[in-house]
Amino acid sequence: MYYDISIDQAKRNYWFLHNLHTQNGKKIDEFIFQYGEYVTVAEDIFYNIEIQGVVPDLCFAGVNASPVVCQGIADEIRKLVNDDVQILPVNVTGCQQKFFITNPLKIFDCIDMKNSQYMEFDQPPLPKHSFIKLVIDKSKVSAHIFRPKNWEIAFIVSEEIKNILDKYNMDGIVFRKVTL
């Protein structure tokens, strides 16, 4: 089983992180975590808290919804995923707790268009499809965490990763099954 993880829009009590930057204030393009590429940063990086709220163990930061996890989740993911994911330390301005950006390094051409429900657009540079119901073909996937090709905003996890996440404070997070 695989699951798409997203924010529960009905729950607005958690913080929102935005404006990824270096210690010297240089802005970092937040979309770099959607390309399935290892990211090298020469200095410490930071997110600002744009909306105050409950500090969750997992949240989605910035305009591209980069997954940010607490130390415990990062440690457990490292044990399971090998080199499929980059776990990149990130500081949160005004917060002492350690957090990490979870950067999936695998992108699979696995969307089952026949069983998915979507709307089509023809407005480059926007994505060609917007998915109402995303279904993936699990036979085309070989990772615990990945993004599907042509819908890289999705953050897909295996049943094993979901089981890890279920042990933590997932208030405001929704798991949607994406396999038949």
C-alpha atoms as a PDB file:
ATOM      1  CA  MET A   1       0.000   0.000   0.000  1.00  0.00           C
ATOM      2  CA  TYR A   2       1.056   3.567  -0.696  1.00  0.00           C
ATOM      3  CA  TYR A   3      -0.371   6.804   0.665  1.00  0.00           C
ATOM      4  CA  ASP A   4      -0.334  10.435  -0.380  1.00  0.00           C
ATOM      5  CA  ILE A   5       0.216  12.645   2.639  1.00  0.00           C
ATOM      6  CA  SER A   6      -1.390  16.080   2.686  1.00  0.00           C
ATOM      7  CA  ILE A   7      -2.639  18.793   5.012  1.00  0.00           C
ATOM      8  CA  ASP A   8      -6.113  18.536   6.494  1.00  0.00           C
ATOM      9  CA  GLN A   9      -7.472  21.941   5.520  1.00  0.00           C
ATOM     10  CA  ALA A  10     -10.163  21.693   8.229  1.00  0.00           C
ATOM     11  CA  LYS A  11      -7.501  21.832  10.970  1.00  0.00           C
ATOM     12  CA  ARG A  12      -5.888  25.238  11.199  1.00  0.00           C
ATOM     13  CA  ASN A  13      -4.243  24.962  14.616  1.00  0.00           C
ATOM     14  CA  TYR A  14      -0.707  24.090  13.476  1.00  0.00           C
ATOM     15  CA  TRP A  15       2.123  26.343  12.373  1.00  0.00           C
ATOM     16  CA  PHE A  16       3.042  27.155   8.778  1.00  0.00           C
ATOM     17  CA  LEU A  17       6.699  27.437   7.771  1.00  0.00           C
ATOM     18  CA  HIS A  18       7.756  29.587   4.832  1.00  0.00           C
ATOM     19  CA  ASN A  19      10.637  31.594   3.373  1.00  0.00           C
ATOM     20  CA  LEU A  20      13.528  29.125   3.213  1.00  0.00           C
ATOM     21  CA  HIS A  21      16.813  31.001   3.538  1.00  0.00           C
ATOM     22  CA  THR A  22      20.439  30.773   4.653  1.00  0.00           C
ATOM     23  CA  GLN A  23      21.767  32.154   7.914  1.00  0.00           C
ATOM     24  CA  ASN A  24      22.878  35.253   5.998  1.00  0.00           C
ATOM     25  CA  GLY A  25      19.333  35.810   4.688  1.00  0.00           C
ATOM     26  CA  LYS A  26      19.883  34.558   1.115  1.00  0.00           C
ATOM     27  CA  LYS A  27      16.552  33.183  -0.181  1.00  0.00           C
ATOM     28  CA  ILE A  28      16.547  29.545  -1.323  1.00  0.00           C
ATOM     29  CA  ASP A  29      14.180  28.356  -4.064  1.00  0.00           C
ATOM     30  CA  GLU A  30      11.784  26.045  -2.217  1.00  0.00           C
ATOM     31  CA  PHE A  31      10.980  24.123  -5.404  1.00  0.00           C
ATOM     32  CA  ILE A  32      14.420  22.457  -5.353  1.00  0.00           C
ATOM     33  CA  PHE A  33      12.906  19.648  -3.270  1.00  0.00           C
ATOM     34  CA  GLN A  34      10.483  18.577  -6.034  1.00  0.00           C
ATOM     35  CA  TYR A  35      13.007  17.465  -8.631  1.00  0.00           C
ATOM     36  CA  GLY A  36      14.269  14.236  -7.066  1.00  0.00           C
ATOM     37  CA  GLU A  37      17.790  15.624  -6.839  1.00  0.00           C
ATOM     38  CA  TYR A  38      20.251  15.714  -3.966  1.00  0.00           C
ATOM     39  CA  VAL A  39      20.504  19.276  -2.635  1.00  0.00           C
ATOM     40  CA  THR A  40      23.808  20.674  -1.409  1.00  0.00           C
ATOM     41  CA  VAL A  41      23.720  23.723   0.819  1.00  0.00           C
ATOM     42  CA  ALA A  42      26.986  25.266   2.010  1.00  0.00           C
ATOM     43  CA  GLU A  43      25.573  26.811   5.190  1.00  0.00           C
ATOM     44  CA  ASP A  44      22.776  26.294   7.704  1.00  0.00           C
ATOM     45  CA  ILE A  45      19.283  26.800   6.323  1.00  0.00           C
ATOM     46  CA  PHE A  46      16.211  28.217   8.046  1.00  0.00           C
ATOM     47  CA  TYR A  47      12.446  28.403   7.717  1.00  0.00           C
ATOM     48  CA  ASN A  48      10.500  31.254   9.258  1.00  0.00           C
ATOM     49  CA  ILE A  49       7.253  30.633  11.095  1.00  0.00           C
ATOM     50  CA  GLU A  50       4.716  32.459   8.959  1.00  0.00           C
ATOM     51  CA  ILE A  51       1.661  31.342  10.955  1.00  0.00           C
ATOM     52  CA  GLN A  52       2.046  30.518  14.656  1.00  0.00           C
ATOM     53  CA  GLY A  53       0.406  27.387  16.018  1.00  0.00           C
ATOM     54  CA  VAL A  54       0.924  23.911  17.380  1.00  0.00           C
ATOM     55  CA  VAL A  55       4.354  22.486  16.523  1.00  0.00           C
ATOM     56  CA  PRO A  56       3.661  19.175  14.742  1.00  0.00           C
ATOM     57  CA  ASP A  57       6.058  16.287  14.215  1.00  0.00           C
ATOM     58  CA  LEU A  58       5.454  16.543  10.456  1.00  0.00           C
ATOM     59  CA  CYS A  59       4.338  19.539   8.426  1.00  0.00           C
ATOM     60  CA  PHE A  60       4.521  20.780   4.862  1.00  0.00           C
ATOM     61  CA  ALA A  61       6.490  23.991   4.467  1.00  0.00           C
ATOM     62  CA  GLY A  62       6.540  26.663   1.818  1.00  0.00           C
ATOM     63  CA  VAL A  63       4.755  27.023  -1.472  1.00  0.00           C
ATOM     64  CA  ASN A  64       5.886  23.611  -2.721  1.00  0.00           C
ATOM     65  CA  ALA A  65       4.870  21.780   0.464  1.00  0.00           C
ATOM     66  CA  SER A  66       8.283  20.413   1.437  1.00  0.00           C
ATOM     67  CA  PRO A  67       7.861  17.743   4.131  1.00  0.00           C
ATOM     68  CA  VAL A  68       9.529  18.823   7.387  1.00  0.00           C
ATOM     69  CA  VAL A  69       9.863  16.245  10.176  1.00  0.00           C
ATOM     70  CA  CYS A  70      11.050  16.136  13.779  1.00  0.00           C
ATOM     71  CA  GLN A  71      14.263  14.393  14.901  1.00  0.00           C
ATOM     72  CA  GLY A  72      12.480  11.150  15.878  1.00  0.00           C
ATOM     73  CA  ILE A  73      10.784  10.703  12.501  1.00  0.00           C
ATOM     74  CA  ALA A  74      14.005  11.602  10.665  1.00  0.00           C
ATOM     75  CA  ASP A  75      15.929   8.953  12.623  1.00  0.00           C
ATOM     76  CA  GLU A  76      13.342   6.242  11.904  1.00  0.00           C
ATOM     77  CA  ILE A  77      13.103   7.128   8.208  1.00  0.00           C
ATOM     78  CA  ARG A  78      16.909   6.969   7.876  1.00  0.00           C
ATOM     79  CA  LYS A  79      16.862   3.355   9.111  1.00  0.00           C
ATOM     80  CA  LEU A  80      14.361   2.294   6.451  1.00  0.00           C
ATOM     81  CA  VAL A  81      14.970   4.263   3.260  1.00  0.00           C
ATOM     82  CA  ASN A  82      18.705   4.066   2.519  1.00  0.00           C
ATOM     83  CA  ASP A  83      19.573   6.521  -0.260  1.00  0.00           C
ATOM     84  CA  ASP A  84      16.017   7.051  -1.568  1.00  0.00           C
ATOM     85  CA  VAL A  85      15.590  10.179   0.553  1.00  0.00           C
ATOM     86  CA  GLN A  86      17.831  13.038   1.624  1.00  0.00           C
ATOM     87  CA  ILE A  87      17.272  14.082   5.237  1.00  0.00           C
ATOM     88  CA  LEU A  88      18.464  17.702   5.347  1.00  0.00           C
ATOM     89  CA  PRO A  89      18.747  19.584   8.663  1.00  0.00           C
ATOM     90  CA  VAL A  90      16.711  22.804   8.764  1.00  0.00           C
ATOM     91  CA  ASN A  91      16.438  25.332  11.556  1.00  0.00           C
ATOM     92  CA  VAL A  92      13.148  26.983  12.392  1.00  0.00           C
ATOM     93  CA  THR A  93      13.641  30.595  13.443  1.00  0.00           C
ATOM     94  CA  GLY A  94      12.627  30.979  17.095  1.00  0.00           C
ATOM     95  CA  CYS A  95      12.369  27.232  17.774  1.00  0.00           C
ATOM     96  CA  GLN A  96      14.949  25.117  19.619  1.00  0.00           C
ATOM     97  CA  GLN A  97      13.637  21.750  18.380  1.00  0.00           C
ATOM     98  CA  LYS A  98      15.559  20.020  15.562  1.00  0.00           C
ATOM     99  CA  PHE A  99      13.779  19.565  12.227  1.00  0.00           C
ATOM    100  CA  PHE A 100      14.661  18.030   8.875  1.00  0.00           C
ATOM    101  CA  ILE A 101      13.462  18.476   5.299  1.00  0.00           C
ATOM    102  CA  THR A 102      12.582  15.109   3.788  1.00  0.00           C
ATOM    103  CA  ASN A 103      13.724  15.349   0.169  1.00  0.00           C
ATOM    104  CA  PRO A 104      12.566  12.338  -1.922  1.00  0.00           C
ATOM    105  CA  LEU A 105      15.271  11.443  -4.431  1.00  0.00           C
ATOM    106  CA  LYS A 106      13.085   9.080  -6.444  1.00  0.00           C
ATOM    107  CA  ILE A 107      10.505  10.143  -9.012  1.00  0.00           C
ATOM    108  CA  PHE A 108       8.552   7.366 -10.707  1.00  0.00           C
ATOM    109  CA  ASP A 109       6.401   7.456 -13.844  1.00  0.00           C
ATOM    110  CA  CYS A 110       3.664   5.552 -12.023  1.00  0.00           C
ATOM    111  CA  ILE A 111       0.395   7.489 -12.210  1.00  0.00           C
ATOM    112  CA  ASP A 112      -2.491   5.257 -13.257  1.00  0.00           C
ATOM    113  CA  MET A 113      -4.390   7.745 -15.420  1.00  0.00           C
ATOM    114  CA  LYS A 114      -7.162   5.245 -16.156  1.00  0.00           C
ATOM    115  CA  ASN A 115      -8.119   4.906 -12.479  1.00  0.00           C
ATOM    116  CA  SER A 116      -7.221   8.431 -11.329  1.00  0.00           C
ATOM    117  CA  GLN A 117      -9.679  11.322 -11.411  1.00  0.00           C
ATOM    118  CA  TYR A 118      -8.258  14.618 -12.615  1.00  0.00           C
ATOM    119  CA  MET A 119      -8.857  17.880 -14.400  1.00  0.00           C
ATOM    120  CA  GLU A 120      -6.779  18.882 -17.404  1.00  0.00           C
ATOM    121  CA  PHE A 121      -5.282  22.312 -17.994  1.00  0.00           C
ATOM    122  CA  ASP A 122      -3.416  23.905 -20.848  1.00  0.00           C
ATOM    123  CA  GLN A 123      -1.788  26.839 -19.079  1.00  0.00           C
ATOM    124  CA  PRO A 124       1.996  26.435 -19.011  1.00  0.00           C
ATOM    125  CA  PRO A 125       3.952  26.565 -16.761  1.00  0.00           C
ATOM    126  CA  LEU A 126       1.212  25.123 -14.536  1.00  0.00           C
ATOM    127  CA  PRO A 127       0.922  21.321 -14.314  1.00  0.00           C
ATOM    128  CA  LYS A 128      -1.102  19.724 -17.088  1.00  0.00           C
ATOM    129  CA  HIS A 129      -3.288  17.844 -14.579  1.00  0.00           C
ATOM    130  CA  SER A 130      -4.775  18.514 -11.174  1.00  0.00           C
ATOM    131  CA  PHE A 131      -5.681  15.293  -9.396  1.00  0.00           C
ATOM    132  CA  ILE A 132      -8.911  14.872  -7.493  1.00  0.00           C
ATOM    133  CA  LYS A 133      -8.160  11.197  -6.878  1.00  0.00           C
ATOM    134  CA  LEU A 134      -4.591  10.047  -7.462  1.00  0.00           C
ATOM    135  CA  VAL A 135      -3.969   6.347  -8.163  1.00  0.00           C
ATOM    136  CA  ILE A 136      -0.493   4.940  -8.723  1.00  0.00           C
ATOM    137  CA  ASP A 137       0.632   1.671 -10.269  1.00  0.00           C
ATOM    138  CA  LYS A 138       2.680   0.159  -7.435  1.00  0.00           C
ATOM    139  CA  SER A 139       4.435  -2.225  -9.856  1.00  0.00           C
ATOM    140  CA  LYS A 140       6.324   0.830 -11.169  1.00  0.00           C
ATOM    141  CA  VAL A 141       7.581   1.898  -7.726  1.00  0.00           C
ATOM    142  CA  SER A 142      10.618   0.688  -5.786  1.00  0.00           C
ATOM    143  CA  ALA A 143      10.955   3.080  -2.845  1.00  0.00           C
ATOM    144  CA  HIS A 144       9.367   3.846   0.531  1.00  0.00           C
ATOM    145  CA  ILE A 145       9.146   7.583  -0.177  1.00  0.00           C
ATOM    146  CA  PHE A 146       8.875   9.191  -3.605  1.00  0.00           C
ATOM    147  CA  ARG A 147       7.121  11.704  -5.827  1.00  0.00           C
ATOM    148  CA  PRO A 148       5.142  10.690  -8.927  1.00  0.00           C
ATOM    149  CA  LYS A 149       6.317  12.054 -12.272  1.00  0.00           C
ATOM    150  CA  ASN A 150       4.064  14.858 -13.576  1.00  0.00           C
ATOM    151  CA  TRP A 151       2.604  15.478 -10.107  1.00  0.00           C
ATOM    152  CA  GLU A 152       5.754  16.156  -8.086  1.00  0.00           C
ATOM    153  CA  ILE A 153       3.916  18.099  -5.395  1.00  0.00           C
ATOM    154  CA  ALA A 154       2.559  14.769  -4.106  1.00  0.00           C
ATOM    155  CA  PHE A 155       4.530  13.143  -1.268  1.00  0.00           C
ATOM    156  CA  ILE A 156       3.911   9.389  -1.416  1.00  0.00           C
ATOM    157  CA  VAL A 157       4.907   6.966   1.345  1.00  0.00           C
ATOM    158  CA  SER A 158       4.763   3.204   1.800  1.00  0.00           C
ATOM    159  CA  GLU A 159       2.728   1.397   4.447  1.00  0.00           C
ATOM    160  CA  GLU A 160       5.941   1.001   6.484  1.00  0.00           C
ATOM    161  CA  ILE A 161       6.544   4.766   6.543  1.00  0.00           C
ATOM    162  CA  LYS A 162       2.871   5.404   7.362  1.00  0.00           C
ATOM    163  CA  ASN A 163       3.199   3.035  10.336  1.00  0.00           C
ATOM    164  CA  ILE A 164       6.193   5.029  11.588  1.00  0.00           C
ATOM    165  CA  LEU A 165       4.329   8.328  11.177  1.00  0.00           C
ATOM    166  CA  ASP A 166       1.234   6.980  12.963  1.00  0.00           C
ATOM    167  CA  LYS A 167       3.292   6.857  16.191  1.00  0.00           C
ATOM    168  CA  TYR A 168       3.791  10.634  16.152  1.00  0.00           C
ATOM    169  CA  ASN A 169       1.688  13.815  16.399  1.00  0.00           C
ATOM    170  CA  MET A 170       0.038  13.815  12.992  1.00  0.00           C
ATOM    171  CA  ASP A 171      -2.676  16.323  13.878  1.00  0.00           C
ATOM    172  CA  GLY A 172      -3.581  18.145  10.688  1.00  0.00           C
ATOM    173  CA  ILE A 173      -2.167  15.459   8.359  1.00  0.00           C
ATOM    174  CA  VAL A 174      -4.252  13.197   6.105  1.00  0.00           C
ATOM    175  CA  PHE A 175      -3.162   9.878   4.592  1.00  0.00           C
ATOM    176  CA  ARG A 176      -4.963   9.035   1.337  1.00  0.00           C
ATOM    177  CA  LYS A 177      -4.525   5.543  -0.102  1.00  0.00           C
ATOM    178  CA  VAL A 178      -3.285   5.793  -3.702  1.00  0.00           C
ATOM    179  CA  THR A 179      -3.016   2.121  -4.633  1.00  0.00           C
ATOM    180  CA  LEU A 180      -5.844  -0.173  -5.710  1.00  0.00           C
END
